[in-house]
N, C-alpha and C. Protein backbone atom coordinates (compact mmCIF):
# COMPACT_ATOMS: atom_id res chain seq x y z
N MET A 1 -26.90 -20.88 -8.39
CA MET A 1 -25.50 -20.67 -8.87
C MET A 1 -24.92 -21.97 -9.23
N ILE A 2 -23.88 -21.90 -10.10
CA ILE A 2 -23.23 -23.11 -10.62
C ILE A 2 -21.86 -23.20 -10.13
N ALA A 3 -21.35 -24.21 -9.56
CA ALA A 3 -19.95 -24.39 -9.20
C ALA A 3 -19.16 -24.90 -10.40
N TYR A 4 -17.88 -24.55 -10.35
CA TYR A 4 -16.97 -25.13 -11.35
C TYR A 4 -15.49 -25.08 -10.76
N LEU A 5 -14.70 -25.93 -11.58
CA LEU A 5 -13.33 -26.14 -11.08
C LEU A 5 -12.46 -25.07 -11.70
N ALA A 6 -11.38 -24.67 -10.83
CA ALA A 6 -10.38 -23.70 -11.32
C ALA A 6 -9.05 -23.81 -10.71
N MET A 7 -8.01 -23.22 -11.38
CA MET A 7 -6.69 -23.33 -10.94
C MET A 7 -6.21 -22.17 -10.38
N LEU A 8 -5.45 -22.09 -9.40
CA LEU A 8 -4.78 -20.94 -8.74
C LEU A 8 -3.30 -21.01 -8.99
N ASP A 9 -2.81 -19.91 -9.57
CA ASP A 9 -1.36 -20.01 -10.00
C ASP A 9 -0.37 -19.37 -8.80
N VAL A 10 -0.54 -19.94 -7.69
CA VAL A 10 0.41 -19.70 -6.60
C VAL A 10 1.08 -20.75 -6.09
N PRO A 11 2.43 -20.86 -5.42
CA PRO A 11 2.89 -22.19 -5.06
C PRO A 11 2.05 -22.65 -3.90
N ARG A 12 2.00 -24.09 -3.73
CA ARG A 12 1.35 -24.68 -2.74
C ARG A 12 2.03 -24.31 -1.36
N GLU A 13 3.39 -23.95 -1.39
CA GLU A 13 3.95 -23.75 -0.14
C GLU A 13 3.46 -22.32 0.46
N LEU A 14 2.99 -21.49 -0.48
CA LEU A 14 2.45 -20.14 -0.01
C LEU A 14 1.00 -20.34 0.84
N VAL A 15 0.36 -21.34 0.22
CA VAL A 15 -0.90 -21.57 0.85
C VAL A 15 -0.64 -22.18 2.29
N ARG A 16 0.29 -23.23 2.30
CA ARG A 16 0.66 -23.79 3.62
C ARG A 16 1.21 -22.84 4.58
N TYR A 17 2.01 -21.78 4.08
CA TYR A 17 2.56 -20.64 4.88
C TYR A 17 1.36 -19.94 5.47
N LEU A 18 0.50 -19.48 4.67
CA LEU A 18 -0.66 -18.71 5.31
C LEU A 18 -1.57 -19.57 6.15
N ALA A 19 -1.60 -20.78 5.87
CA ALA A 19 -2.50 -21.73 6.76
C ALA A 19 -1.81 -21.75 8.06
N ARG A 20 -0.35 -21.88 8.15
CA ARG A 20 0.31 -21.99 9.47
C ARG A 20 -0.04 -20.60 10.29
N LEU A 21 0.16 -19.56 9.56
CA LEU A 21 -0.25 -18.23 10.15
C LEU A 21 -1.60 -18.18 10.91
N LEU A 22 -2.62 -18.62 10.05
CA LEU A 22 -3.98 -18.72 10.53
C LEU A 22 -4.13 -19.70 11.65
N ALA A 23 -3.50 -20.85 11.65
CA ALA A 23 -3.52 -21.81 12.83
C ALA A 23 -2.89 -21.10 14.03
N ALA A 24 -1.87 -20.36 13.93
CA ALA A 24 -1.33 -19.69 15.23
C ALA A 24 -2.19 -18.74 15.70
N GLN A 25 -2.82 -17.98 14.72
CA GLN A 25 -3.97 -17.01 15.20
C GLN A 25 -5.14 -17.78 15.96
N ARG A 26 -5.46 -18.83 15.40
CA ARG A 26 -6.60 -19.34 15.98
C ARG A 26 -6.14 -19.93 17.51
N ARG A 27 -4.97 -20.42 17.65
CA ARG A 27 -4.54 -20.84 18.85
C ARG A 27 -4.41 -19.55 19.77
N LEU A 28 -4.01 -18.51 19.34
CA LEU A 28 -3.77 -17.22 20.13
C LEU A 28 -5.34 -16.89 20.63
N LEU A 29 -6.23 -17.10 19.71
CA LEU A 29 -7.77 -16.64 20.18
C LEU A 29 -8.45 -17.70 20.92
N GLY A 30 -7.62 -19.01 21.05
CA GLY A 30 -8.31 -20.02 21.82
C GLY A 30 -9.53 -20.74 21.14
N THR A 31 -9.41 -20.60 19.97
CA THR A 31 -10.48 -21.28 18.99
C THR A 31 -10.43 -22.79 19.11
N ARG A 32 -11.61 -23.26 19.47
CA ARG A 32 -11.71 -24.72 19.70
C ARG A 32 -11.73 -25.46 18.24
N ARG A 33 -11.21 -26.68 18.26
CA ARG A 33 -11.04 -27.44 17.00
C ARG A 33 -12.52 -27.65 16.55
N ARG A 34 -12.61 -27.77 15.18
CA ARG A 34 -13.84 -28.06 14.51
C ARG A 34 -14.98 -27.17 14.66
N THR A 35 -14.67 -25.86 15.08
CA THR A 35 -15.74 -24.87 15.37
C THR A 35 -15.81 -23.88 14.22
N ARG A 36 -14.87 -23.97 13.29
CA ARG A 36 -14.88 -23.07 12.17
C ARG A 36 -15.37 -23.61 10.97
N ALA A 37 -15.92 -22.95 9.95
CA ALA A 37 -16.64 -23.50 8.87
C ALA A 37 -15.45 -23.89 7.76
N LEU A 38 -14.32 -23.37 7.87
CA LEU A 38 -13.21 -23.91 6.88
C LEU A 38 -12.04 -24.21 7.79
N THR A 39 -11.30 -25.24 7.34
CA THR A 39 -9.91 -25.46 7.91
C THR A 39 -9.03 -24.20 7.51
N CYS A 40 -7.82 -24.24 8.23
CA CYS A 40 -6.91 -23.20 7.98
C CYS A 40 -6.45 -23.22 6.56
N TYR A 41 -6.21 -24.49 6.08
CA TYR A 41 -5.71 -24.57 4.58
C TYR A 41 -6.80 -23.95 3.63
N TYR A 42 -7.99 -24.35 3.90
CA TYR A 42 -9.02 -23.80 2.79
C TYR A 42 -9.32 -22.30 3.24
N GLN A 43 -9.12 -21.93 4.38
CA GLN A 43 -9.37 -20.36 4.49
C GLN A 43 -8.20 -19.77 3.89
N ALA A 44 -7.03 -20.16 4.11
CA ALA A 44 -5.80 -19.62 3.38
C ALA A 44 -5.93 -19.60 1.77
N LEU A 45 -6.50 -20.74 1.16
CA LEU A 45 -6.70 -20.93 -0.20
C LEU A 45 -7.74 -19.82 -0.61
N MET A 46 -8.79 -19.58 0.12
CA MET A 46 -9.83 -18.71 -0.26
C MET A 46 -9.17 -17.27 -0.20
N VAL A 47 -8.36 -16.85 0.85
CA VAL A 47 -7.92 -15.55 0.94
C VAL A 47 -6.87 -15.35 -0.27
N LEU A 48 -6.07 -16.30 -0.67
CA LEU A 48 -5.08 -16.04 -1.87
C LEU A 48 -5.96 -16.00 -3.19
N ILE A 49 -6.95 -16.68 -3.27
CA ILE A 49 -7.85 -16.55 -4.47
C ILE A 49 -8.31 -15.12 -4.60
N TRP A 50 -8.73 -14.53 -3.37
CA TRP A 50 -9.28 -13.12 -3.36
C TRP A 50 -8.31 -12.22 -3.75
N PHE A 51 -7.03 -12.46 -3.24
CA PHE A 51 -5.83 -11.56 -3.67
C PHE A 51 -5.59 -11.66 -5.09
N ARG A 52 -5.48 -12.88 -5.70
CA ARG A 52 -4.90 -13.13 -6.91
C ARG A 52 -5.93 -12.79 -8.04
N LYS A 53 -7.32 -13.12 -7.72
CA LYS A 53 -8.18 -12.97 -8.87
C LYS A 53 -9.34 -11.99 -8.69
N ALA A 54 -9.32 -11.33 -7.42
CA ALA A 54 -10.29 -10.26 -7.11
C ALA A 54 -11.70 -10.77 -7.20
N GLU A 55 -12.00 -11.93 -6.85
CA GLU A 55 -13.35 -12.53 -6.88
C GLU A 55 -14.34 -11.78 -6.06
N ASP A 56 -15.49 -11.71 -6.63
CA ASP A 56 -16.59 -11.21 -5.70
C ASP A 56 -16.68 -12.03 -4.48
N THR A 57 -16.63 -11.30 -3.28
CA THR A 57 -16.59 -12.06 -1.95
C THR A 57 -17.71 -12.97 -1.64
N ALA A 58 -18.79 -12.48 -2.07
CA ALA A 58 -20.07 -13.39 -1.75
C ALA A 58 -19.88 -14.70 -2.58
N LEU A 59 -19.66 -14.44 -3.94
CA LEU A 59 -19.59 -15.63 -4.88
C LEU A 59 -18.37 -16.55 -4.37
N LEU A 60 -17.25 -15.92 -4.01
CA LEU A 60 -16.15 -16.77 -3.46
C LEU A 60 -16.56 -17.43 -2.24
N GLY A 61 -17.26 -16.90 -1.29
CA GLY A 61 -17.67 -17.60 -0.29
C GLY A 61 -18.67 -18.71 -0.48
N ALA A 62 -19.49 -18.46 -1.46
CA ALA A 62 -20.45 -19.60 -1.82
C ALA A 62 -19.71 -20.80 -2.39
N GLY A 63 -18.68 -20.42 -3.13
CA GLY A 63 -17.98 -21.58 -3.74
C GLY A 63 -17.13 -22.44 -2.63
N PHE A 64 -17.02 -21.93 -1.37
CA PHE A 64 -16.33 -22.53 -0.27
C PHE A 64 -17.49 -23.10 0.66
N GLY A 65 -18.73 -22.82 0.35
CA GLY A 65 -19.90 -23.15 1.18
C GLY A 65 -20.08 -22.46 2.37
N ILE A 66 -19.66 -21.05 2.45
CA ILE A 66 -19.93 -20.30 3.47
C ILE A 66 -20.62 -19.02 3.22
N SER A 67 -21.17 -18.28 4.19
CA SER A 67 -22.03 -17.16 3.94
C SER A 67 -20.97 -16.18 3.53
N ARG A 68 -21.76 -14.96 2.97
CA ARG A 68 -21.08 -13.69 2.60
C ARG A 68 -20.30 -13.18 3.84
N ALA A 69 -21.01 -12.99 5.05
CA ALA A 69 -20.55 -12.47 6.06
C ALA A 69 -19.28 -13.15 6.57
N THR A 70 -19.32 -14.59 6.83
CA THR A 70 -18.28 -15.32 7.04
C THR A 70 -16.98 -15.16 6.12
N ALA A 71 -17.28 -15.09 4.92
CA ALA A 71 -16.30 -14.86 3.83
C ALA A 71 -15.51 -13.58 4.13
N TYR A 72 -16.21 -12.47 4.28
CA TYR A 72 -15.67 -11.21 4.69
C TYR A 72 -14.77 -11.27 5.79
N ARG A 73 -15.29 -11.95 6.89
CA ARG A 73 -14.60 -12.13 8.12
C ARG A 73 -13.27 -12.93 7.85
N TYR A 74 -13.49 -14.12 7.08
CA TYR A 74 -12.16 -14.92 6.92
C TYR A 74 -11.08 -14.13 6.16
N ILE A 75 -11.54 -13.49 5.19
CA ILE A 75 -10.64 -12.72 4.30
C ILE A 75 -9.90 -11.50 5.26
N ALA A 76 -10.67 -10.92 5.91
CA ALA A 76 -10.04 -9.83 6.86
C ALA A 76 -9.03 -10.53 7.76
N GLU A 77 -9.37 -11.69 8.28
CA GLU A 77 -8.47 -12.22 9.26
C GLU A 77 -7.25 -12.66 8.57
N GLY A 78 -7.29 -13.15 7.29
CA GLY A 78 -6.07 -13.49 6.48
C GLY A 78 -5.27 -12.32 6.26
N ILE A 79 -5.77 -11.23 5.82
CA ILE A 79 -5.18 -9.93 5.59
C ILE A 79 -4.50 -9.55 6.81
N GLY A 80 -5.06 -9.72 7.90
CA GLY A 80 -4.47 -9.24 9.26
C GLY A 80 -3.25 -10.05 9.67
N VAL A 81 -3.32 -11.34 9.59
CA VAL A 81 -2.09 -12.26 9.91
C VAL A 81 -1.06 -12.02 8.97
N LEU A 82 -1.30 -11.74 7.62
CA LEU A 82 -0.27 -11.31 6.68
C LEU A 82 0.54 -10.01 6.89
N ALA A 83 -0.44 -9.01 7.33
CA ALA A 83 0.06 -7.59 7.61
C ALA A 83 0.92 -7.64 8.79
N ALA A 84 0.52 -8.55 9.77
CA ALA A 84 1.47 -8.65 10.95
C ALA A 84 2.95 -9.08 10.79
N GLN A 85 3.20 -9.70 9.53
CA GLN A 85 4.44 -10.20 9.12
C GLN A 85 5.49 -9.25 8.57
N ARG A 86 4.82 -8.14 8.30
CA ARG A 86 5.63 -7.14 7.44
C ARG A 86 6.64 -6.59 8.26
N PRO A 87 7.86 -6.20 7.82
CA PRO A 87 8.85 -5.51 8.53
C PRO A 87 8.46 -4.09 8.72
N ASP A 88 9.00 -3.40 9.65
CA ASP A 88 8.87 -1.90 9.82
C ASP A 88 9.61 -1.33 8.74
N LEU A 89 9.53 -0.02 8.56
CA LEU A 89 10.18 0.65 7.55
C LEU A 89 11.80 0.77 7.64
N HIS A 90 12.23 0.80 8.83
CA HIS A 90 13.70 0.77 9.20
C HIS A 90 14.23 -0.59 8.73
N GLU A 91 13.66 -1.61 9.17
CA GLU A 91 14.04 -2.94 8.82
C GLU A 91 14.02 -3.18 7.30
N ALA A 92 13.02 -2.66 6.73
CA ALA A 92 12.97 -2.94 5.12
C ALA A 92 13.98 -2.17 4.49
N LEU A 93 14.37 -0.93 4.99
CA LEU A 93 15.64 -0.24 4.45
C LEU A 93 16.93 -0.84 4.68
N GLU A 94 17.16 -1.36 5.95
CA GLU A 94 18.27 -2.09 6.15
C GLU A 94 18.48 -3.40 5.37
N ARG A 95 17.40 -4.04 5.03
CA ARG A 95 17.47 -5.29 4.23
C ARG A 95 17.91 -4.84 2.88
N ALA A 96 17.25 -3.77 2.31
CA ALA A 96 17.55 -3.23 0.82
C ALA A 96 18.98 -2.87 0.68
N ALA A 97 19.63 -2.11 1.84
CA ALA A 97 20.96 -1.73 1.81
C ALA A 97 21.84 -2.97 1.82
N ALA A 98 21.57 -3.94 2.69
CA ALA A 98 22.36 -5.23 2.85
C ALA A 98 22.25 -6.07 1.60
N ASP A 99 21.19 -6.02 0.69
CA ASP A 99 21.14 -6.77 -0.41
C ASP A 99 21.95 -5.98 -1.62
N GLY A 100 22.40 -4.77 -1.43
CA GLY A 100 23.31 -4.08 -2.51
C GLY A 100 22.52 -3.10 -3.30
N TRP A 101 21.22 -2.78 -3.08
CA TRP A 101 20.55 -1.90 -3.86
C TRP A 101 21.20 -0.41 -3.61
N ALA A 102 21.23 0.34 -4.65
CA ALA A 102 21.85 1.66 -4.61
C ALA A 102 20.82 2.71 -4.18
N PHE A 103 19.62 2.47 -4.32
CA PHE A 103 18.47 3.51 -4.04
C PHE A 103 17.23 2.70 -3.86
N VAL A 104 16.25 3.51 -3.19
CA VAL A 104 14.91 3.13 -3.29
C VAL A 104 14.00 4.16 -3.91
N ILE A 105 12.69 3.64 -4.03
CA ILE A 105 11.75 4.65 -4.66
C ILE A 105 10.60 4.90 -3.71
N LEU A 106 10.29 6.19 -3.50
CA LEU A 106 9.03 6.54 -2.92
C LEU A 106 7.99 7.14 -3.84
N ASP A 107 6.92 6.54 -3.57
CA ASP A 107 5.72 7.08 -4.32
C ASP A 107 4.42 6.82 -3.51
N GLY A 108 3.32 7.52 -3.98
CA GLY A 108 2.07 7.37 -3.34
C GLY A 108 0.98 7.13 -4.35
N LYS A 109 0.00 6.44 -3.95
CA LYS A 109 -1.08 6.12 -4.94
C LYS A 109 -2.52 6.35 -4.30
N LEU A 110 -3.47 6.67 -4.98
CA LEU A 110 -4.89 6.99 -4.48
C LEU A 110 -5.64 5.75 -4.78
N PHE A 111 -5.98 5.00 -3.93
CA PHE A 111 -6.86 3.73 -4.06
C PHE A 111 -8.34 4.21 -3.84
N ASP A 112 -9.27 3.69 -4.75
CA ASP A 112 -10.55 4.02 -4.78
C ASP A 112 -11.27 3.53 -3.37
N SER A 113 -12.13 4.23 -2.90
CA SER A 113 -12.83 3.58 -1.82
C SER A 113 -14.46 4.41 -1.77
N ASP A 114 -15.27 3.75 -1.04
CA ASP A 114 -16.54 4.28 -0.94
C ASP A 114 -16.54 5.57 -0.07
N ARG A 115 -17.67 6.31 -0.13
CA ARG A 115 -17.76 7.54 0.60
C ARG A 115 -17.76 7.16 2.07
N LEU A 116 -16.91 7.80 2.85
CA LEU A 116 -16.98 7.58 4.38
C LEU A 116 -17.44 8.96 5.03
N ALA A 117 -18.25 8.82 5.99
CA ALA A 117 -18.78 9.93 6.62
C ALA A 117 -17.77 10.54 7.65
N GLU A 118 -16.71 11.19 6.97
CA GLU A 118 -15.75 11.85 7.84
C GLU A 118 -15.34 13.23 7.16
N ALA A 119 -15.53 14.37 7.76
CA ALA A 119 -15.17 15.63 7.36
C ALA A 119 -14.07 16.14 7.97
N THR A 120 -13.49 17.12 7.39
CA THR A 120 -12.26 17.69 7.86
C THR A 120 -12.25 19.19 7.49
N THR A 121 -11.19 19.95 8.00
CA THR A 121 -11.17 21.36 7.35
C THR A 121 -10.05 21.56 6.48
N SER A 122 -10.22 22.14 5.42
CA SER A 122 -9.14 22.46 4.54
C SER A 122 -8.25 23.53 4.92
N VAL A 123 -7.13 23.71 4.14
CA VAL A 123 -6.17 24.78 4.56
C VAL A 123 -6.81 26.09 4.50
N LYS A 124 -7.89 26.22 3.66
CA LYS A 124 -8.66 27.53 3.51
C LYS A 124 -9.79 27.71 4.43
N GLY A 125 -9.93 26.70 5.34
CA GLY A 125 -10.92 26.87 6.43
C GLY A 125 -12.35 26.19 6.09
N ALA A 126 -12.52 25.61 4.89
CA ALA A 126 -13.76 25.10 4.49
C ALA A 126 -13.81 23.62 4.98
N THR A 127 -15.23 23.21 5.16
CA THR A 127 -15.47 21.85 5.57
C THR A 127 -15.44 20.98 4.26
N ILE A 128 -14.46 19.97 4.30
CA ILE A 128 -14.41 19.05 3.18
C ILE A 128 -14.57 17.61 3.52
N ASP A 129 -14.89 16.80 2.66
CA ASP A 129 -14.83 15.24 2.68
C ASP A 129 -13.39 14.91 2.87
N ALA A 130 -13.06 14.16 4.01
CA ALA A 130 -11.58 13.84 4.20
C ALA A 130 -11.06 12.93 3.19
N TRP A 131 -11.99 12.05 2.67
CA TRP A 131 -11.34 11.02 1.81
C TRP A 131 -11.80 11.37 0.32
N TYR A 132 -11.96 12.78 0.01
CA TYR A 132 -12.10 13.11 -1.31
C TYR A 132 -10.83 13.71 -1.84
N SER A 133 -10.16 13.29 -2.91
CA SER A 133 -9.00 13.86 -3.52
C SER A 133 -9.34 14.90 -4.54
N GLY A 134 -9.17 16.18 -4.30
CA GLY A 134 -9.35 17.12 -5.31
C GLY A 134 -8.57 16.98 -6.58
N LYS A 135 -7.30 16.55 -6.42
CA LYS A 135 -6.36 16.29 -7.58
C LYS A 135 -6.93 15.27 -8.36
N HIS A 136 -7.47 14.07 -7.89
CA HIS A 136 -8.04 12.97 -8.67
C HIS A 136 -9.40 13.09 -8.97
N ARG A 137 -10.03 14.02 -8.33
CA ARG A 137 -11.55 14.23 -8.29
C ARG A 137 -12.20 12.91 -7.98
N ASP A 138 -11.98 12.07 -7.06
CA ASP A 138 -12.35 10.90 -6.76
C ASP A 138 -12.16 10.61 -5.19
N LEU A 139 -12.96 9.66 -4.61
CA LEU A 139 -12.78 9.35 -3.25
C LEU A 139 -11.81 8.31 -3.20
N GLY A 140 -10.99 8.17 -2.18
CA GLY A 140 -9.88 7.21 -2.07
C GLY A 140 -9.11 7.42 -0.76
N ALA A 141 -8.25 6.38 -0.74
CA ALA A 141 -7.17 6.39 0.31
C ALA A 141 -5.84 6.54 -0.33
N ASN A 142 -5.02 7.36 0.39
CA ASN A 142 -3.53 7.62 0.01
C ASN A 142 -2.77 6.56 0.75
N ILE A 143 -2.05 5.86 -0.14
CA ILE A 143 -1.22 4.71 0.34
C ILE A 143 0.25 5.14 -0.13
N GLN A 144 1.21 5.37 0.76
CA GLN A 144 2.56 5.47 0.58
C GLN A 144 3.36 4.16 0.47
N ALA A 145 4.27 4.11 -0.53
CA ALA A 145 5.03 2.80 -0.63
C ALA A 145 6.52 3.15 -0.92
N VAL A 146 7.40 2.30 -0.36
CA VAL A 146 8.77 2.27 -0.73
C VAL A 146 9.05 1.08 -1.66
N MET A 147 9.79 1.25 -2.67
CA MET A 147 10.04 0.16 -3.59
C MET A 147 11.57 -0.02 -3.98
N LEU A 148 11.75 -1.22 -4.40
CA LEU A 148 13.24 -1.33 -4.95
C LEU A 148 13.24 -0.81 -6.41
N PRO A 149 14.46 -0.61 -6.95
CA PRO A 149 14.46 -0.03 -8.27
C PRO A 149 13.77 -0.87 -9.30
N ASP A 150 13.58 -2.21 -8.98
CA ASP A 150 12.92 -3.06 -9.99
C ASP A 150 11.39 -3.08 -9.84
N GLY A 151 10.98 -2.11 -8.87
CA GLY A 151 9.35 -1.87 -8.77
C GLY A 151 8.90 -2.91 -7.62
N LEU A 152 9.68 -3.58 -6.98
CA LEU A 152 9.08 -4.62 -5.88
C LEU A 152 8.76 -3.80 -4.74
N PRO A 153 7.56 -3.71 -4.16
CA PRO A 153 7.40 -2.98 -2.85
C PRO A 153 8.06 -3.71 -1.71
N ILE A 154 8.81 -2.99 -0.85
CA ILE A 154 9.34 -3.51 0.31
C ILE A 154 8.66 -3.02 1.74
N TRP A 155 7.81 -2.11 1.50
CA TRP A 155 7.10 -1.57 2.61
C TRP A 155 5.82 -0.67 2.01
N THR A 156 4.72 -0.75 2.74
CA THR A 156 3.49 0.14 2.33
C THR A 156 2.99 0.73 3.72
N ALA A 157 2.62 1.80 3.65
CA ALA A 157 2.06 2.58 4.80
C ALA A 157 0.58 2.21 5.13
N ASP A 158 0.23 2.72 6.25
CA ASP A 158 -1.37 2.61 6.51
C ASP A 158 -2.11 3.62 5.56
N ALA A 159 -3.41 3.38 5.34
CA ALA A 159 -4.04 4.21 4.44
C ALA A 159 -4.33 5.53 5.23
N MET A 160 -4.13 6.65 4.34
CA MET A 160 -4.39 7.97 4.90
C MET A 160 -5.69 8.57 4.10
N PRO A 161 -6.25 9.53 4.59
CA PRO A 161 -7.44 10.29 3.94
C PRO A 161 -6.98 10.84 2.65
N GLY A 162 -7.81 10.58 1.50
CA GLY A 162 -7.55 11.07 0.19
C GLY A 162 -7.25 12.54 0.05
N HIS A 163 -7.69 13.29 0.85
CA HIS A 163 -7.69 14.72 0.59
C HIS A 163 -6.16 15.19 1.03
N LEU A 164 -5.37 14.42 1.57
CA LEU A 164 -4.01 14.77 1.79
C LEU A 164 -2.91 14.53 0.70
N HIS A 165 -2.00 15.24 0.68
CA HIS A 165 -1.12 15.23 -0.47
C HIS A 165 -0.09 14.17 -0.01
N ASP A 166 0.72 13.68 -0.98
CA ASP A 166 1.71 12.69 -0.75
C ASP A 166 2.71 13.11 0.24
N LEU A 167 3.21 14.30 0.11
CA LEU A 167 4.32 14.86 1.14
C LEU A 167 3.81 15.00 2.51
N SER A 168 2.49 15.44 2.58
CA SER A 168 1.82 15.45 3.92
C SER A 168 1.75 14.06 4.57
N CYS A 169 1.39 13.03 3.79
CA CYS A 169 1.14 11.73 4.26
C CYS A 169 2.57 11.20 4.64
N ALA A 170 3.55 11.40 3.89
CA ALA A 170 4.91 10.85 4.16
C ALA A 170 5.56 11.50 5.34
N ARG A 171 5.26 12.79 5.64
CA ARG A 171 5.71 13.34 6.81
C ARG A 171 5.12 12.88 8.06
N GLU A 172 3.71 12.74 7.95
CA GLU A 172 2.87 12.43 9.15
C GLU A 172 3.16 11.03 9.48
N LEU A 173 3.48 10.17 8.59
CA LEU A 173 3.86 8.74 8.91
C LEU A 173 5.15 8.52 9.24
N GLY A 174 6.01 9.51 9.07
CA GLY A 174 7.48 9.18 9.49
C GLY A 174 8.28 8.60 8.31
N VAL A 175 7.70 8.59 7.18
CA VAL A 175 8.46 8.06 6.06
C VAL A 175 9.58 8.84 5.64
N THR A 176 9.49 10.17 5.56
CA THR A 176 10.47 11.03 5.16
C THR A 176 11.56 11.10 6.23
N ALA A 177 11.32 10.99 7.47
CA ALA A 177 12.39 10.93 8.47
C ALA A 177 13.23 9.53 8.22
N ALA A 178 12.56 8.53 7.98
CA ALA A 178 13.11 7.20 7.83
C ALA A 178 14.09 7.17 6.51
N LEU A 179 13.51 7.69 5.52
CA LEU A 179 14.42 7.77 4.35
C LEU A 179 15.47 8.72 4.44
N ASN A 180 15.44 9.78 5.13
CA ASN A 180 16.59 10.64 5.31
C ASN A 180 17.56 10.01 6.19
N TRP A 181 17.12 9.15 7.21
CA TRP A 181 18.05 8.45 8.07
C TRP A 181 18.69 7.28 7.22
N ALA A 182 18.05 6.68 6.31
CA ALA A 182 18.65 5.64 5.52
C ALA A 182 19.73 6.30 4.51
N ALA A 183 19.50 7.41 4.08
CA ALA A 183 20.41 8.17 3.15
C ALA A 183 21.74 8.43 3.91
N ALA A 184 21.58 8.91 5.15
CA ALA A 184 22.70 9.38 6.00
C ALA A 184 23.50 8.14 6.53
N GLU A 185 22.67 7.16 7.07
CA GLU A 185 23.29 5.99 7.79
C GLU A 185 23.62 4.75 6.83
N LEU A 186 22.83 4.48 5.89
CA LEU A 186 23.05 3.42 5.11
C LEU A 186 23.58 3.59 3.65
N ASN A 187 23.71 5.03 3.27
CA ASN A 187 24.04 5.32 2.00
C ASN A 187 23.12 4.88 0.95
N LEU A 188 21.80 4.90 1.41
CA LEU A 188 20.70 4.53 0.56
C LEU A 188 19.72 5.56 0.36
N PRO A 189 19.89 6.43 -0.74
CA PRO A 189 18.85 7.63 -0.96
C PRO A 189 17.65 6.99 -1.57
N ALA A 190 16.74 7.95 -1.66
CA ALA A 190 15.27 7.55 -2.22
C ALA A 190 15.00 8.56 -3.44
N LEU A 191 14.44 8.03 -4.39
CA LEU A 191 14.12 8.80 -5.71
C LEU A 191 12.61 8.98 -5.48
N ALA A 192 12.08 10.16 -5.89
CA ALA A 192 10.67 10.50 -5.82
C ALA A 192 10.24 11.48 -6.82
N ASP A 193 8.90 11.66 -7.10
CA ASP A 193 8.58 12.68 -8.08
C ASP A 193 8.64 13.99 -7.45
N ALA A 194 8.16 14.98 -8.17
CA ALA A 194 8.13 16.38 -7.67
C ALA A 194 7.28 16.69 -6.59
N GLY A 195 6.28 15.88 -6.33
CA GLY A 195 5.35 16.15 -5.31
C GLY A 195 6.04 16.00 -3.94
N TYR A 196 7.35 15.50 -3.91
CA TYR A 196 8.00 15.39 -2.60
C TYR A 196 9.11 16.49 -2.46
N ASP A 197 9.13 17.40 -3.43
CA ASP A 197 9.99 18.49 -3.08
C ASP A 197 10.08 18.99 -1.72
N GLY A 198 11.30 19.17 -1.08
CA GLY A 198 11.42 19.64 0.39
C GLY A 198 11.37 18.63 1.30
N ALA A 199 11.38 17.31 0.92
CA ALA A 199 11.29 16.27 1.84
C ALA A 199 12.57 16.02 2.59
N GLY A 200 13.57 16.55 2.23
CA GLY A 200 14.87 16.20 2.90
C GLY A 200 16.00 15.95 1.95
N HIS A 201 17.20 15.90 2.52
CA HIS A 201 18.34 15.51 1.73
C HIS A 201 18.41 14.27 1.09
N GLY A 202 17.80 13.28 1.84
CA GLY A 202 17.93 12.02 1.39
C GLY A 202 16.93 11.55 0.34
N ILE A 203 15.99 12.42 -0.04
CA ILE A 203 14.93 12.04 -1.05
C ILE A 203 15.16 13.06 -2.19
N LYS A 204 15.58 12.32 -3.28
CA LYS A 204 15.98 13.07 -4.48
C LYS A 204 14.74 13.32 -5.32
N THR A 205 14.35 14.48 -5.85
CA THR A 205 13.41 14.65 -6.74
C THR A 205 13.91 15.54 -7.98
N PRO A 206 13.18 15.47 -9.01
CA PRO A 206 13.58 16.06 -10.31
C PRO A 206 13.80 17.47 -9.98
N PRO A 207 15.02 18.10 -10.57
CA PRO A 207 15.27 19.46 -10.47
C PRO A 207 14.29 20.30 -11.19
N SER A 208 14.00 21.35 -10.64
CA SER A 208 12.99 22.32 -11.37
C SER A 208 13.70 22.96 -12.55
N SER A 209 12.73 22.93 -13.67
CA SER A 209 13.44 23.47 -14.94
C SER A 209 13.38 24.97 -14.83
N PRO A 210 14.56 25.46 -15.28
CA PRO A 210 14.78 26.97 -15.19
C PRO A 210 13.91 27.54 -16.20
N PRO A 211 13.50 28.78 -16.02
CA PRO A 211 12.71 29.57 -16.91
C PRO A 211 13.24 29.64 -18.32
N THR A 212 12.57 29.36 -19.43
CA THR A 212 13.00 29.53 -20.65
C THR A 212 13.28 31.04 -21.03
N ALA A 213 14.42 31.29 -21.53
CA ALA A 213 14.68 32.67 -21.80
C ALA A 213 14.20 33.06 -23.14
N LYS A 214 13.54 34.24 -23.06
CA LYS A 214 12.95 34.66 -24.38
C LYS A 214 13.87 35.17 -25.32
N PRO A 215 13.91 34.86 -26.55
CA PRO A 215 14.91 35.33 -27.54
C PRO A 215 14.79 36.80 -27.69
N SER A 216 16.05 37.48 -27.66
CA SER A 216 15.93 38.86 -27.98
C SER A 216 15.89 39.26 -29.34
N HIS A 217 15.10 40.20 -29.74
CA HIS A 217 14.96 40.74 -31.13
C HIS A 217 15.76 42.02 -31.39
N SER A 218 16.63 42.07 -32.15
CA SER A 218 17.41 43.41 -32.59
C SER A 218 16.54 44.21 -33.56
N PRO A 219 16.69 45.41 -33.41
CA PRO A 219 15.91 46.25 -34.27
C PRO A 219 16.38 46.09 -35.62
N THR A 220 15.52 45.94 -36.68
CA THR A 220 16.07 45.65 -38.09
C THR A 220 16.39 47.11 -38.60
N ALA A 221 17.63 47.10 -39.29
CA ALA A 221 18.12 48.33 -39.82
C ALA A 221 17.22 48.77 -40.95
N ALA A 222 16.95 50.15 -41.03
CA ALA A 222 16.09 50.50 -42.19
C ALA A 222 16.80 50.33 -43.54
């Protein structure tokens, strides 16, 4: 393999911020100094490269002089400390309302995944792959997200099995309850697509199109 220099287009302060989180995590775990293959700064840098450039993990680890297994472990640790900083959904909605936004957007997306050995029972009683989406005809995880009107996500849910529909995921995770609360208490409604019909008063979906009236034909006079 050949090493080369590259640039990462993220602020240096972001690297330092993640490095501080990783340092706090190491203190919490009681990790002794100089027992890790990378310093907190270089571990943070590697994690951000993975996020920003979607580098192959084995090659990314080799660039930092660590094994594939260590690279996977360090990236997972970085994701974990970042995820721990996220606000809960109620806090995110309160912040959006305080910032003056008129509404938020609810949407779900199926993210590709490898096959998992997990089966479940469909509504028809058949045994199906829990992570297979019939709608998308693909394996994946359903991720629900709440976004500002400009598209910036303010909260994302835990991954749910791909066979579940958006509305089922949102209800099971308490998303619909939180959004209905935000509409009533914060005057912050949510907009969503038709897949969320029936989610509650605070979640606005497109109106159903009325049936098109067929033109009447008068009998032609002879």
